[in-house]
Each structure stands twice: as C-alpha cells, then as structure tokens.
Amino acid sequence: MEENGNQISFEERNAEKGYVVLSIIGDLGMWSLPAAKSKVQELIDQKKLKIVIDLERTNYIDSSGLGFFIGTLKKLKSAGGDMLLINLNTYIYGIFQLIHLHEIIDIYDNLEEASKNFKD
C-alpha cells in the first residue's frame, strides 16, 4: 500500500499460541498511519486480540506512529487482548526509551522471547 510516496505493507503470521504476528514493513508516520490503524482494526474485528508487532523492517517512526502504538495497546487491552513489540532497531528503541514508552509497552528482542511473555 502506498500513500503519498510512503510505502507500508503488512505481513500477518499466525502462531499456534493464539496470537498474530504483524510485521510492519516501511516507515510508520502520518501518511502511512491510516493503513496501519485499519489493519489493526481488522484484526480486532476478527477477534485476534493478541498481537505481536514486528518492527524488524521499520526504519522510522514519527510522533503519530508512536501514538499509534499507545492507541493500539489501549484498544486491545479494552477488548481483553494484549500487544507486544519485537525487533526494534537501535534508533526506534532509543525513542521509546526517551519518552518512556518501553515502560508501558512490552518490548522483546525476538518472537521466541515475546511468545513466552503473553499474559493470559
């Protein structure tokens, strides 16, 4: 999906433990945010409430992208679900630390580590 020159795409993988791995591919910012919100809402509507978001192929997130994570976590928690993030690069993790998002959102180095930490 391309919006205003910024490309974002998604890869959805189901895992046996009842969660979905959603890979965000591309920059997550103001222009790509509607597509990301739509994809998460689609998962919520399908009752896929445990989501691991893989940011391995995401290089940039702006402030609206950071807000997306807070809003998504809030929606999922309200519906009885949860969200974990994996594979953040040093730059993105640094931003999460700077604004203390790593204290609100659970972040793991990889899927294996994250899968052991979903709250039931």
PDB file of N, CA and C in Angstrom:
ATOM      1  N   MET A   1       0.849  -1.162   0.000  1.00  0.00           N
ATOM      2  CA  MET A   1       0.000   0.000   0.000  1.00  0.00           C
ATOM      3  C   MET A   1       0.897   1.227   0.000  1.00  0.00           C
ATOM      4  N   GLU A   2       0.661   2.137  -0.909  1.00  0.00           N
ATOM      5  CA  GLU A   2       1.484   3.325  -0.970  1.00  0.00           C
ATOM      6  C   GLU A   2       0.598   4.545  -0.831  1.00  0.00           C
ATOM      7  N   GLU A   3       1.018   5.421   0.072  1.00  0.00           N
ATOM      8  CA  GLU A   3       0.265   6.640   0.302  1.00  0.00           C
ATOM      9  C   GLU A   3       1.237   7.802   0.294  1.00  0.00           C
ATOM     10  N   ASN A   4       1.023   8.751  -0.619  1.00  0.00           N
ATOM     11  CA  ASN A   4       1.864   9.937  -0.728  1.00  0.00           C
ATOM     12  C   ASN A   4       3.353   9.610  -0.779  1.00  0.00           C
ATOM     13  N   GLY A   5       3.726   8.581  -1.514  1.00  0.00           N
ATOM     14  CA  GLY A   5       5.126   8.238  -1.669  1.00  0.00           C
ATOM     15  C   GLY A   5       5.712   7.401  -0.550  1.00  0.00           C
ATOM     16  N   ASN A   6       4.988   7.202   0.513  1.00  0.00           N
ATOM     17  CA  ASN A   6       5.471   6.370   1.615  1.00  0.00           C
ATOM     18  C   ASN A   6       4.820   5.005   1.530  1.00  0.00           C
ATOM     19  N   GLN A   7       5.617   3.984   1.477  1.00  0.00           N
ATOM     20  CA  GLN A   7       5.086   2.640   1.351  1.00  0.00           C
ATOM     21  C   GLN A   7       5.050   1.964   2.709  1.00  0.00           C
ATOM     22  N   ILE A   8       3.955   1.303   2.969  1.00  0.00           N
ATOM     23  CA  ILE A   8       3.842   0.480   4.172  1.00  0.00           C
ATOM     24  C   ILE A   8       3.097  -0.777   3.769  1.00  0.00           C
ATOM     25  N   SER A   9       3.563  -1.881   4.239  1.00  0.00           N
ATOM     26  CA  SER A   9       2.851  -3.123   3.979  1.00  0.00           C
ATOM     27  C   SER A   9       2.893  -3.974   5.233  1.00  0.00           C
ATOM     28  N   PHE A  10       2.123  -5.037   5.202  1.00  0.00           N
ATOM     29  CA  PHE A  10       1.953  -5.866   6.384  1.00  0.00           C
ATOM     30  C   PHE A  10       2.120  -7.324   6.015  1.00  0.00           C
ATOM     31  N   GLU A  11       2.646  -8.054   6.931  1.00  0.00           N
ATOM     32  CA  GLU A  11       2.742  -9.494   6.802  1.00  0.00           C
ATOM     33  C   GLU A  11       2.113 -10.052   8.068  1.00  0.00           C
ATOM     34  N   GLU A  12       1.124 -10.877   7.919  1.00  0.00           N
ATOM     35  CA  GLU A  12       0.432 -11.449   9.075  1.00  0.00           C
ATOM     36  C   GLU A  12       0.748 -12.927   9.159  1.00  0.00           C
ATOM     37  N   ARG A  13       1.249 -13.341  10.304  1.00  0.00           N
ATOM     38  CA  ARG A  13       1.551 -14.753  10.517  1.00  0.00           C
ATOM     39  C   ARG A  13       0.828 -15.210  11.771  1.00  0.00           C
ATOM     40  N   ASN A  14       0.175 -16.326  11.683  1.00  0.00           N
ATOM     41  CA  ASN A  14      -0.489 -16.887  12.855  1.00  0.00           C
ATOM     42  C   ASN A  14       0.452 -17.844  13.552  1.00  0.00           C
ATOM     43  N   ALA A  15       0.419 -17.792  14.845  1.00  0.00           N
ATOM     44  CA  ALA A  15       1.222 -18.712  15.635  1.00  0.00           C
ATOM     45  C   ALA A  15       0.288 -19.620  16.417  1.00  0.00           C
ATOM     46  N   GLU A  16       0.797 -20.741  16.840  1.00  0.00           N
ATOM     47  CA  GLU A  16      -0.054 -21.740  17.489  1.00  0.00           C
ATOM     48  C   GLU A  16      -0.546 -21.333  18.875  1.00  0.00           C
ATOM     49  N   LYS A  17       0.049 -20.330  19.477  1.00  0.00           N
ATOM     50  CA  LYS A  17      -0.344 -19.951  20.833  1.00  0.00           C
ATOM     51  C   LYS A  17      -1.500 -18.957  20.874  1.00  0.00           C
ATOM     52  N   GLY A  18      -2.129 -18.719  19.756  1.00  0.00           N
ATOM     53  CA  GLY A  18      -3.298 -17.855  19.745  1.00  0.00           C
ATOM     54  C   GLY A  18      -2.990 -16.381  19.567  1.00  0.00           C
ATOM     55  N   TYR A  19      -1.842 -16.068  19.039  1.00  0.00           N
ATOM     56  CA  TYR A  19      -1.542 -14.676  18.761  1.00  0.00           C
ATOM     57  C   TYR A  19      -1.186 -14.513  17.287  1.00  0.00           C
ATOM     58  N   VAL A  20      -1.213 -13.271  16.842  1.00  0.00           N
ATOM     59  CA  VAL A  20      -0.900 -12.935  15.459  1.00  0.00           C
ATOM     60  C   VAL A  20       0.384 -12.119  15.449  1.00  0.00           C
ATOM     61  N   VAL A  21       1.262 -12.411  14.521  1.00  0.00           N
ATOM     62  CA  VAL A  21       2.459 -11.604  14.316  1.00  0.00           C
ATOM     63  C   VAL A  21       2.184 -10.700  13.117  1.00  0.00           C
ATOM     64  N   LEU A  22       2.239  -9.401  13.356  1.00  0.00           N
ATOM     65  CA  LEU A  22       2.006  -8.421  12.305  1.00  0.00           C
ATOM     66  C   LEU A  22       3.323  -7.693  12.052  1.00  0.00           C
ATOM     67  N   SER A  23       3.911  -7.910  10.888  1.00  0.00           N
ATOM     68  CA  SER A  23       5.144  -7.219  10.522  1.00  0.00           C
ATOM     69  C   SER A  23       4.781  -5.943   9.787  1.00  0.00           C
ATOM     70  N   ILE A  24       5.313  -4.835  10.265  1.00  0.00           N
ATOM     71  CA  ILE A  24       5.115  -3.553   9.589  1.00  0.00           C
ATOM     72  C   ILE A  24       6.371  -3.318   8.757  1.00  0.00           C
ATOM     73  N   ILE A  25       6.173  -3.159   7.475  1.00  0.00           N
ATOM     74  CA  ILE A  25       7.285  -3.007   6.550  1.00  0.00           C
ATOM     75  C   ILE A  25       7.222  -1.606   5.961  1.00  0.00           C
ATOM     76  N   GLY A  26       8.172  -0.794   6.321  1.00  0.00           N
ATOM     77  CA  GLY A  26       8.204   0.587   5.855  1.00  0.00           C
ATOM     78  C   GLY A  26       8.120   1.550   7.024  1.00  0.00           C
ATOM     79  N   ASP A  27       8.175   2.826   6.718  1.00  0.00           N
ATOM     80  CA  ASP A  27       8.120   3.858   7.741  1.00  0.00           C
ATOM     81  C   ASP A  27       6.705   4.003   8.289  1.00  0.00           C
ATOM     82  N   LEU A  28       6.616   4.230   9.587  1.00  0.00           N
ATOM     83  CA  LEU A  28       5.313   4.416  10.226  1.00  0.00           C
ATOM     84  C   LEU A  28       5.202   5.877  10.641  1.00  0.00           C
ATOM     85  N   GLY A  29       4.439   6.617   9.865  1.00  0.00           N
ATOM     86  CA  GLY A  29       4.290   8.044  10.113  1.00  0.00           C
ATOM     87  C   GLY A  29       2.910   8.525   9.714  1.00  0.00           C
ATOM     88  N   MET A  30       2.774   9.819   9.673  1.00  0.00           N
ATOM     89  CA  MET A  30       1.481  10.446   9.421  1.00  0.00           C
ATOM     90  C   MET A  30       0.805   9.911   8.159  1.00  0.00           C
ATOM     91  N   TRP A  31       1.580   9.696   7.095  1.00  0.00           N
ATOM     92  CA  TRP A  31       0.976   9.292   5.828  1.00  0.00           C
ATOM     93  C   TRP A  31       0.595   7.817   5.796  1.00  0.00           C
ATOM     94  N   SER A  32       1.339   6.993   6.504  1.00  0.00           N
ATOM     95  CA  SER A  32       1.061   5.559   6.483  1.00  0.00           C
ATOM     96  C   SER A  32       0.168   5.115   7.648  1.00  0.00           C
ATOM     97  N   LEU A  33      -0.075   6.009   8.582  1.00  0.00           N
ATOM     98  CA  LEU A  33      -0.843   5.673   9.770  1.00  0.00           C
ATOM     99  C   LEU A  33      -2.260   5.158   9.488  1.00  0.00           C
ATOM    100  N   PRO A  34      -3.012   5.759   8.563  1.00  0.00           N
ATOM    101  CA  PRO A  34      -4.362   5.220   8.298  1.00  0.00           C
ATOM    102  C   PRO A  34      -4.351   3.744   7.912  1.00  0.00           C
ATOM    103  N   ALA A  35      -3.369   3.318   7.128  1.00  0.00           N
ATOM    104  CA  ALA A  35      -3.291   1.911   6.725  1.00  0.00           C
ATOM    105  C   ALA A  35      -2.994   1.034   7.937  1.00  0.00           C
ATOM    106  N   ALA A  36      -2.104   1.483   8.800  1.00  0.00           N
ATOM    107  CA  ALA A  36      -1.753   0.710   9.990  1.00  0.00           C
ATOM    108  C   ALA A  36      -2.951   0.593  10.933  1.00  0.00           C
ATOM    109  N   LYS A  37      -3.643   1.690  11.148  1.00  0.00           N
ATOM    110  CA  LYS A  37      -4.827   1.662  12.025  1.00  0.00           C
ATOM    111  C   LYS A  37      -5.896   0.742  11.459  1.00  0.00           C
ATOM    112  N   SER A  38      -6.083   0.808  10.160  1.00  0.00           N
ATOM    113  CA  SER A  38      -7.081  -0.031   9.504  1.00  0.00           C
ATOM    114  C   SER A  38      -6.743  -1.513   9.661  1.00  0.00           C
ATOM    115  N   LYS A  39      -5.471  -1.850   9.498  1.00  0.00           N
ATOM    116  CA  LYS A  39      -5.047  -3.253   9.620  1.00  0.00           C
ATOM    117  C   LYS A  39      -5.259  -3.762  11.037  1.00  0.00           C
ATOM    118  N   VAL A  40      -4.916  -2.963  12.043  1.00  0.00           N
ATOM    119  CA  VAL A  40      -5.115  -3.374  13.438  1.00  0.00           C
ATOM    120  C   VAL A  40      -6.606  -3.512  13.737  1.00  0.00           C
ATOM    121  N   GLN A  41      -7.411  -2.585  13.252  1.00  0.00           N
ATOM    122  CA  GLN A  41      -8.854  -2.673  13.492  1.00  0.00           C
ATOM    123  C   GLN A  41      -9.429  -3.935  12.856  1.00  0.00           C
ATOM    124  N   GLU A  42      -8.922  -4.292  11.689  1.00  0.00           N
ATOM    125  CA  GLU A  42      -9.344  -5.528  11.019  1.00  0.00           C
ATOM    126  C   GLU A  42      -9.047  -6.740  11.914  1.00  0.00           C
ATOM    127  N   LEU A  43      -7.873  -6.773  12.517  1.00  0.00           N
ATOM    128  CA  LEU A  43      -7.524  -7.878  13.412  1.00  0.00           C
ATOM    129  C   LEU A  43      -8.434  -7.900  14.641  1.00  0.00           C
ATOM    130  N   ILE A  44      -8.697  -6.745  15.201  1.00  0.00           N
ATOM    131  CA  ILE A  44      -9.580  -6.662  16.372  1.00  0.00           C
ATOM    132  C   ILE A  44     -10.991  -7.135  16.000  1.00  0.00           C
ATOM    133  N   ASP A  45     -11.480  -6.713  14.843  1.00  0.00           N
ATOM    134  CA  ASP A  45     -12.808  -7.133  14.383  1.00  0.00           C
ATOM    135  C   ASP A  45     -12.882  -8.648  14.185  1.00  0.00           C
ATOM    136  N   GLN A  46     -11.745  -9.262  13.850  1.00  0.00           N
ATOM    137  CA  GLN A  46     -11.685 -10.713  13.675  1.00  0.00           C
ATOM    138  C   GLN A  46     -11.426 -11.431  15.001  1.00  0.00           C
ATOM    139  N   LYS A  47     -11.440 -10.670  16.094  1.00  0.00           N
ATOM    140  CA  LYS A  47     -11.209 -11.209  17.452  1.00  0.00           C
ATOM    141  C   LYS A  47      -9.795 -11.758  17.619  1.00  0.00           C
ATOM    142  N   LYS A  48      -8.875 -11.238  16.842  1.00  0.00           N
ATOM    143  CA  LYS A  48      -7.459 -11.571  17.008  1.00  0.00           C
ATOM    144  C   LYS A  48      -6.892 -10.495  17.931  1.00  0.00           C
ATOM    145  N   LEU A  49      -6.955 -10.777  19.226  1.00  0.00           N
ATOM    146  CA  LEU A  49      -6.684  -9.747  20.224  1.00  0.00           C
ATOM    147  C   LEU A  49      -5.300  -9.818  20.852  1.00  0.00           C
ATOM    148  N   LYS A  50      -4.529 -10.815  20.503  1.00  0.00           N
ATOM    149  CA  LYS A  50      -3.146 -10.896  20.976  1.00  0.00           C
ATOM    150  C   LYS A  50      -2.255 -10.682  19.759  1.00  0.00           C
ATOM    151  N   ILE A  51      -1.579  -9.534  19.741  1.00  0.00           N
ATOM    152  CA  ILE A  51      -0.817  -9.149  18.561  1.00  0.00           C
ATOM    153  C   ILE A  51       0.637  -8.876  18.932  1.00  0.00           C
ATOM    154  N   VAL A  52       1.534  -9.485  18.179  1.00  0.00           N
ATOM    155  CA  VAL A  52       2.959  -9.169  18.258  1.00  0.00           C
ATOM    156  C   VAL A  52       3.250  -8.326  17.024  1.00  0.00           C
ATOM    157  N   ILE A  53       3.758  -7.115  17.235  1.00  0.00           N
ATOM    158  CA  ILE A  53       4.101  -6.262  16.105  1.00  0.00           C
ATOM    159  C   ILE A  53       5.616  -6.334  15.907  1.00  0.00           C
ATOM    160  N   ASP A  54       5.995  -6.802  14.736  1.00  0.00           N
ATOM    161  CA  ASP A  54       7.401  -6.981  14.379  1.00  0.00           C
ATOM    162  C   ASP A  54       7.867  -5.756  13.596  1.00  0.00           C
ATOM    163  N   LEU A  55       8.847  -5.051  14.155  1.00  0.00           N
ATOM    164  CA  LEU A  55       9.342  -3.823  13.527  1.00  0.00           C
ATOM    165  C   LEU A  55      10.720  -4.007  12.883  1.00  0.00           C
ATOM    166  N   GLU A  56      11.075  -5.244  12.594  1.00  0.00           N
ATOM    167  CA  GLU A  56      12.390  -5.515  12.025  1.00  0.00           C
ATOM    168  C   GLU A  56      12.620  -4.751  10.729  1.00  0.00           C
ATOM    169  N   ARG A  57      11.572  -4.577   9.929  1.00  0.00           N
ATOM    170  CA  ARG A  57      11.716  -3.893   8.636  1.00  0.00           C
ATOM    171  C   ARG A  57      11.099  -2.497   8.656  1.00  0.00           C
ATOM    172  N   THR A  58      11.124  -1.882   9.851  1.00  0.00           N
ATOM    173  CA  THR A  58      10.666  -0.499  10.015  1.00  0.00           C
ATOM    174  C   THR A  58      11.874   0.323  10.442  1.00  0.00           C
ATOM    175  N   ASN A  59      12.173   1.355   9.695  1.00  0.00           N
ATOM    176  CA  ASN A  59      13.358   2.161   9.985  1.00  0.00           C
ATOM    177  C   ASN A  59      13.039   3.482  10.667  1.00  0.00           C
ATOM    178  N   TYR A  60      11.803   3.953  10.537  1.00  0.00           N
ATOM    179  CA  TYR A  60      11.469   5.287  11.027  1.00  0.00           C
ATOM    180  C   TYR A  60      10.054   5.292  11.575  1.00  0.00           C
ATOM    181  N   ILE A  61       9.886   5.971  12.693  1.00  0.00           N
ATOM    182  CA  ILE A  61       8.562   6.184  13.286  1.00  0.00           C
ATOM    183  C   ILE A  61       8.511   7.632  13.743  1.00  0.00           C
ATOM    184  N   ASP A  62       7.475   8.361  13.338  1.00  0.00           N
ATOM    185  CA  ASP A  62       7.347   9.737  13.828  1.00  0.00           C
ATOM    186  C   ASP A  62       6.395   9.764  15.029  1.00  0.00           C
ATOM    187  N   SER A  63       6.073  10.946  15.513  1.00  0.00           N
ATOM    188  CA  SER A  63       5.254  11.053  16.724  1.00  0.00           C
ATOM    189  C   SER A  63       3.866  10.456  16.543  1.00  0.00           C
ATOM    190  N   SER A  64       3.295  10.570  15.351  1.00  0.00           N
ATOM    191  CA  SER A  64       1.978   9.964  15.132  1.00  0.00           C
ATOM    192  C   SER A  64       2.093   8.443  15.162  1.00  0.00           C
ATOM    193  N   GLY A  65       3.204   7.912  14.699  1.00  0.00           N
ATOM    194  CA  GLY A  65       3.447   6.471  14.775  1.00  0.00           C
ATOM    195  C   GLY A  65       3.564   6.003  16.212  1.00  0.00           C
ATOM    196  N   LEU A  66       4.212   6.793  17.055  1.00  0.00           N
ATOM    197  CA  LEU A  66       4.309   6.455  18.476  1.00  0.00           C
ATOM    198  C   LEU A  66       2.920   6.447  19.118  1.00  0.00           C
ATOM    199  N   GLY A  67       2.112   7.422  18.742  1.00  0.00           N
ATOM    200  CA  GLY A  67       0.732   7.474  19.237  1.00  0.00           C
ATOM    201  C   GLY A  67      -0.076   6.262  18.797  1.00  0.00           C
ATOM    202  N   PHE A  68       0.232   5.744  17.613  1.00  0.00           N
ATOM    203  CA  PHE A  68      -0.439   4.554  17.106  1.00  0.00           C
ATOM    204  C   PHE A  68      -0.253   3.379  18.068  1.00  0.00           C
ATOM    205  N   PHE A  69       0.971   3.214  18.580  1.00  0.00           N
ATOM    206  CA  PHE A  69       1.230   2.108  19.498  1.00  0.00           C
ATOM    207  C   PHE A  69       0.459   2.256  20.798  1.00  0.00           C
ATOM    208  N   ILE A  70       0.389   3.462  21.317  1.00  0.00           N
ATOM    209  CA  ILE A  70      -0.352   3.707  22.559  1.00  0.00           C
ATOM    210  C   ILE A  70      -1.842   3.443  22.335  1.00  0.00           C
ATOM    211  N   GLY A  71      -2.375   3.966  21.233  1.00  0.00           N
ATOM    212  CA  GLY A  71      -3.791   3.765  20.922  1.00  0.00           C
ATOM    213  C   GLY A  71      -4.132   2.302  20.678  1.00  0.00           C
ATOM    214  N   THR A  72      -3.251   1.596  19.991  1.00  0.00           N
ATOM    215  CA  THR A  72      -3.474   0.172  19.710  1.00  0.00           C
ATOM    216  C   THR A  72      -3.463  -0.637  20.999  1.00  0.00           C
ATOM    217  N   LEU A  73      -2.498  -0.366  21.864  1.00  0.00           N
ATOM    218  CA  LEU A  73      -2.438  -1.074  23.143  1.00  0.00           C
ATOM    219  C   LEU A  73      -3.703  -0.825  23.952  1.00  0.00           C
ATOM    220  N   LYS A  74      -4.154   0.411  23.974  1.00  0.00           N
ATOM    221  CA  LYS A  74      -5.373   0.764  24.720  1.00  0.00           C
ATOM    222  C   LYS A  74      -6.596   0.015  24.166  1.00  0.00           C
ATOM    223  N   LYS A  75      -6.731  -0.014  22.839  1.00  0.00           N
ATOM    224  CA  LYS A  75      -7.856  -0.729  22.208  1.00  0.00           C
ATOM    225  C   LYS A  75      -7.817  -2.215  22.541  1.00  0.00           C
ATOM    226  N   LEU A  76      -6.642  -2.802  22.416  1.00  0.00           N
ATOM    227  CA  LEU A  76      -6.521  -4.230  22.674  1.00  0.00           C
ATOM    228  C   LEU A  76      -6.787  -4.569  24.131  1.00  0.00           C
ATOM    229  N   LYS A  77      -6.259  -3.781  25.048  1.00  0.00           N
ATOM    230  CA  LYS A  77      -6.488  -4.026  26.479  1.00  0.00           C
ATOM    231  C   LYS A  77      -7.982  -3.901  26.805  1.00  0.00           C
ATOM    232  N   SER A  78      -8.657  -2.914  26.215  1.00  0.00           N
ATOM    233  CA  SER A  78     -10.094  -2.731  26.426  1.00  0.00           C
ATOM    234  C   SER A  78     -10.895  -3.933  25.964  1.00  0.00           C
ATOM    235  N   ALA A  79     -10.399  -4.595  24.918  1.00  0.00           N
ATOM    236  CA  ALA A  79     -11.088  -5.755  24.353  1.00  0.00           C
ATOM    237  C   ALA A  79     -10.626  -7.059  24.999  1.00  0.00           C
ATOM    238  N   GLY A  80      -9.733  -6.962  25.992  1.00  0.00           N
ATOM    239  CA  GLY A  80      -9.240  -8.156  26.666  1.00  0.00           C
ATOM    240  C   GLY A  80      -8.011  -8.759  26.022  1.00  0.00           C
ATOM    241  N   GLY A  81      -7.351  -8.003  25.158  1.00  0.00           N
ATOM    242  CA  GLY A  81      -6.179  -8.502  24.460  1.00  0.00           C
ATOM    243  C   GLY A  81      -4.892  -7.883  24.962  1.00  0.00           C
ATOM    244  N   ASP A  82      -3.855  -8.026  24.162  1.00  0.00           N
ATOM    245  CA  ASP A  82      -2.552  -7.500  24.536  1.00  0.00           C
ATOM    246  C   ASP A  82      -1.714  -7.308  23.274  1.00  0.00           C
ATOM    247  N   MET A  83      -0.649  -6.505  23.404  1.00  0.00           N
ATOM    248  CA  MET A  83       0.247  -6.227  22.290  1.00  0.00           C
ATOM    249  C   MET A  83       1.686  -6.247  22.799  1.00  0.00           C
ATOM    250  N   LEU A  84       2.560  -6.872  22.026  1.00  0.00           N
ATOM    251  CA  LEU A  84       3.990  -6.874  22.311  1.00  0.00           C
ATOM    252  C   LEU A  84       4.715  -6.402  21.057  1.00  0.00           C
ATOM    253  N   LEU A  85       5.862  -5.780  21.235  1.00  0.00           N
ATOM    254  CA  LEU A  85       6.677  -5.350  20.102  1.00  0.00           C
ATOM    255  C   LEU A  85       7.973  -6.144  20.082  1.00  0.00           C
ATOM    256  N   ILE A  86       8.438  -6.442  18.871  1.00  0.00           N
ATOM    257  CA  ILE A  86       9.715  -7.152  18.737  1.00  0.00           C
ATOM    258  C   ILE A  86      10.567  -6.501  17.643  1.00  0.00           C
ATOM    259  N   ASN A  87      11.862  -6.783  17.727  1.00  0.00           N
ATOM    260  CA  ASN A  87      12.823  -6.423  16.680  1.00  0.00           C
ATOM    261  C   ASN A  87      12.914  -4.927  16.394  1.00  0.00           C
ATOM    262  N   LEU A  88      12.943  -4.103  17.442  1.00  0.00           N
ATOM    263  CA  LEU A  88      13.123  -2.667  17.247  1.00  0.00           C
ATOM    264  C   LEU A  88      14.592  -2.384  16.971  1.00  0.00           C
ATOM    265  N   ASN A  89      14.860  -1.522  15.995  1.00  0.00           N
ATOM    266  CA  ASN A  89      16.251  -1.144  15.766  1.00  0.00           C
ATOM    267  C   ASN A  89      16.694  -0.174  16.864  1.00  0.00           C
ATOM    268  N   THR A  90      17.975   0.114  16.911  1.00  0.00           N
ATOM    269  CA  THR A  90      18.542   0.947  17.974  1.00  0.00           C
ATOM    270  C   THR A  90      17.908   2.337  17.997  1.00  0.00           C
ATOM    271  N   TYR A  91      17.683   2.911  16.832  1.00  0.00           N
ATOM    272  CA  TYR A  91      17.090   4.247  16.726  1.00  0.00           C
ATOM    273  C   TYR A  91      15.675   4.279  17.318  1.00  0.00           C
ATOM    274  N   ILE A  92      14.848   3.343  16.899  1.00  0.00           N
ATOM    275  CA  ILE A  92      13.456   3.322  17.380  1.00  0.00           C
ATOM    276  C   ILE A  92      13.415   2.995  18.870  1.00  0.00           C
ATOM    277  N   TYR A  93      14.229   2.047  19.310  1.00  0.00           N
ATOM    278  CA  TYR A  93      14.256   1.724  20.739  1.00  0.00           C
ATOM    279  C   TYR A  93      14.706   2.935  21.553  1.00  0.00           C
ATOM    280  N   GLY A  94      15.647   3.701  21.033  1.00  0.00           N
ATOM    281  CA  GLY A  94      16.104   4.916  21.706  1.00  0.00           C
ATOM    282  C   GLY A  94      14.985   5.919  21.889  1.00  0.00           C
ATOM    283  N   ILE A  95      14.127   6.047  20.889  1.00  0.00           N
ATOM    284  CA  ILE A  95      12.979   6.952  21.004  1.00  0.00           C
ATOM    285  C   ILE A  95      12.020   6.440  22.077  1.00  0.00           C
ATOM    286  N   PHE A  96      11.762   5.145  22.083  1.00  0.00           N
ATOM    287  CA  PHE A  96      10.886   4.558  23.101  1.00  0.00           C
ATOM    288  C   PHE A  96      11.442   4.823  24.499  1.00  0.00           C
ATOM    289  N   GLN A  97      12.757   4.724  24.664  1.00  0.00           N
ATOM    290  CA  GLN A  97      13.373   4.980  25.962  1.00  0.00           C
ATOM    291  C   GLN A  97      13.273   6.458  26.326  1.00  0.00           C
ATOM    292  N   LEU A  98      13.513   7.316  25.365  1.00  0.00           N
ATOM    293  CA  LEU A  98      13.490   8.758  25.597  1.00  0.00           C
ATOM    294  C   LEU A  98      12.152   9.228  26.156  1.00  0.00           C
ATOM    295  N   ILE A  99      11.066   8.668  25.627  1.00  0.00           N
ATOM    296  CA  ILE A  99       9.740   9.099  26.098  1.00  0.00           C
ATOM    297  C   ILE A  99       9.091   8.060  27.022  1.00  0.00           C
ATOM    298  N   HIS A 100       9.892   7.105  27.464  1.00  0.00           N
ATOM    299  CA  HIS A 100       9.478   6.096  28.452  1.00  0.00           C
ATOM    300  C   HIS A 100       8.365   5.168  27.973  1.00  0.00           C
ATOM    301  N   LEU A 101       8.229   5.007  26.672  1.00  0.00           N
ATOM    302  CA  LEU A 101       7.226   4.073  26.146  1.00  0.00           C
ATOM    303  C   LEU A 101       7.586   2.634  26.463  1.00  0.00           C
ATOM    304  N   HIS A 102       8.859   2.351  26.636  1.00  0.00           N
ATOM    305  CA  HIS A 102       9.283   0.983  26.962  1.00  0.00           C
ATOM    306  C   HIS A 102       8.801   0.562  28.352  1.00  0.00           C
ATOM    307  N   GLU A 103       8.325   1.525  29.143  1.00  0.00           N
ATOM    308  CA  GLU A 103       7.757   1.211  30.457  1.00  0.00           C
ATOM    309  C   GLU A 103       6.267   0.869  30.360  1.00  0.00           C
ATOM    310  N   ILE A 104       5.665   1.212  29.238  1.00  0.00           N
ATOM    311  CA  ILE A 104       4.222   0.996  29.033  1.00  0.00           C
ATOM    312  C   ILE A 104       3.974  -0.183  28.096  1.00  0.00           C
ATOM    313  N   ILE A 105       4.815  -0.289  27.086  1.00  0.00           N
ATOM    314  CA  ILE A 105       4.660  -1.319  26.059  1.00  0.00           C
ATOM    315  C   ILE A 105       5.772  -2.343  26.220  1.00  0.00           C
ATOM    316  N   ASP A 106       5.412  -3.609  26.252  1.00  0.00           N
ATOM    317  CA  ASP A 106       6.399  -4.680  26.383  1.00  0.00           C
ATOM    318  C   ASP A 106       7.153  -4.870  25.074  1.00  0.00           C
ATOM    319  N   ILE A 107       8.480  -4.820  25.169  1.00  0.00           N
ATOM    320  CA  ILE A 107       9.346  -4.915  24.003  1.00  0.00           C
ATOM    321  C   ILE A 107      10.308  -6.088  24.201  1.00  0.00           C
ATOM    322  N   TYR A 108      10.453  -6.893  23.153  1.00  0.00           N
ATOM    323  CA  TYR A 108      11.331  -8.053  23.200  1.00  0.00           C
ATOM    324  C   TYR A 108      12.248  -8.065  21.985  1.00  0.00           C
ATOM    325  N   ASP A 109      13.346  -8.781  22.125  1.00  0.00           N
ATOM    326  CA  ASP A 109      14.326  -8.847  21.043  1.00  0.00           C
ATOM    327  C   ASP A 109      13.856  -9.694  19.870  1.00  0.00           C
ATOM    328  N   ASN A 110      13.028 -10.709  20.149  1.00  0.00           N
ATOM    329  CA  ASN A 110      12.616 -11.608  19.076  1.00  0.00           C
ATOM    330  C   ASN A 110      11.290 -12.288  19.440  1.00  0.00           C
ATOM    331  N   LEU A 111      10.737 -13.007  18.484  1.00  0.00           N
ATOM    332  CA  LEU A 111       9.440 -13.651  18.655  1.00  0.00           C
ATOM    333  C   LEU A 111       9.485 -14.740  19.718  1.00  0.00           C
ATOM    334  N   GLU A 112      10.555 -15.498  19.754  1.00  0.00           N
ATOM    335  CA  GLU A 112      10.648 -16.580  20.739  1.00  0.00           C
ATOM    336  C   GLU A 112      10.541 -16.029  22.165  1.00  0.00           C
ATOM    337  N   GLU A 113      11.249 -14.948  22.430  1.00  0.00           N
ATOM    338  CA  GLU A 113      11.208 -14.315  23.750  1.00  0.00           C
ATOM    339  C   GLU A 113       9.819 -13.741  24.042  1.00  0.00           C
ATOM    340  N   ALA A 114       9.252 -13.072  23.053  1.00  0.00           N
ATOM    341  CA  ALA A 114       7.936 -12.447  23.238  1.00  0.00           C
ATOM    342  C   ALA A 114       6.849 -13.494  23.489  1.00  0.00           C
ATOM    343  N   SER A 115       6.895 -14.593  22.755  1.00  0.00           N
ATOM    344  CA  SER A 115       5.841 -15.598  22.849  1.00  0.00           C
ATOM    345  C   SER A 115       5.738 -16.208  24.248  1.00  0.00           C
ATOM    346  N   LYS A 116       6.814 -16.157  24.994  1.00  0.00           N
ATOM    347  CA  LYS A 116       6.810 -16.695  26.363  1.00  0.00           C
ATOM    348  C   LYS A 116       6.194 -15.709  27.367  1.00  0.00           C
ATOM    349  N   ASN A 117       5.925 -14.498  26.922  1.00  0.00           N
ATOM    350  CA  ASN A 117       5.534 -13.453  27.850  1.00  0.00           C
ATOM    351  C   ASN A 117       4.138 -12.886  27.628  1.00  0.00           C
ATOM    352  N   PHE A 118       3.324 -13.547  26.801  1.00  0.00           N
ATOM    353  CA  PHE A 118       1.948 -13.084  26.650  1.00  0.00           C
ATOM    354  C   PHE A 118       1.183 -13.359  27.913  1.00  0.00           C
ATOM    355  N   LYS A 119       0.430 -12.365  28.348  1.00  0.00           N
ATOM    356  CA  LYS A 119      -0.424 -12.543  29.523  1.00  0.00           C
ATOM    357  C   LYS A 119      -1.696 -13.257  29.085  1.00  0.00           C
ATOM    358  N   ASP A 120      -2.113 -14.240  29.853  1.00  0.00           N
ATOM    359  CA  ASP A 120      -3.341 -14.984  29.503  1.00  0.00           C
ATOM    360  C   ASP A 120      -4.572 -14.272  30.008  1.00  0.00           C
TER     361      ASP A 120
END
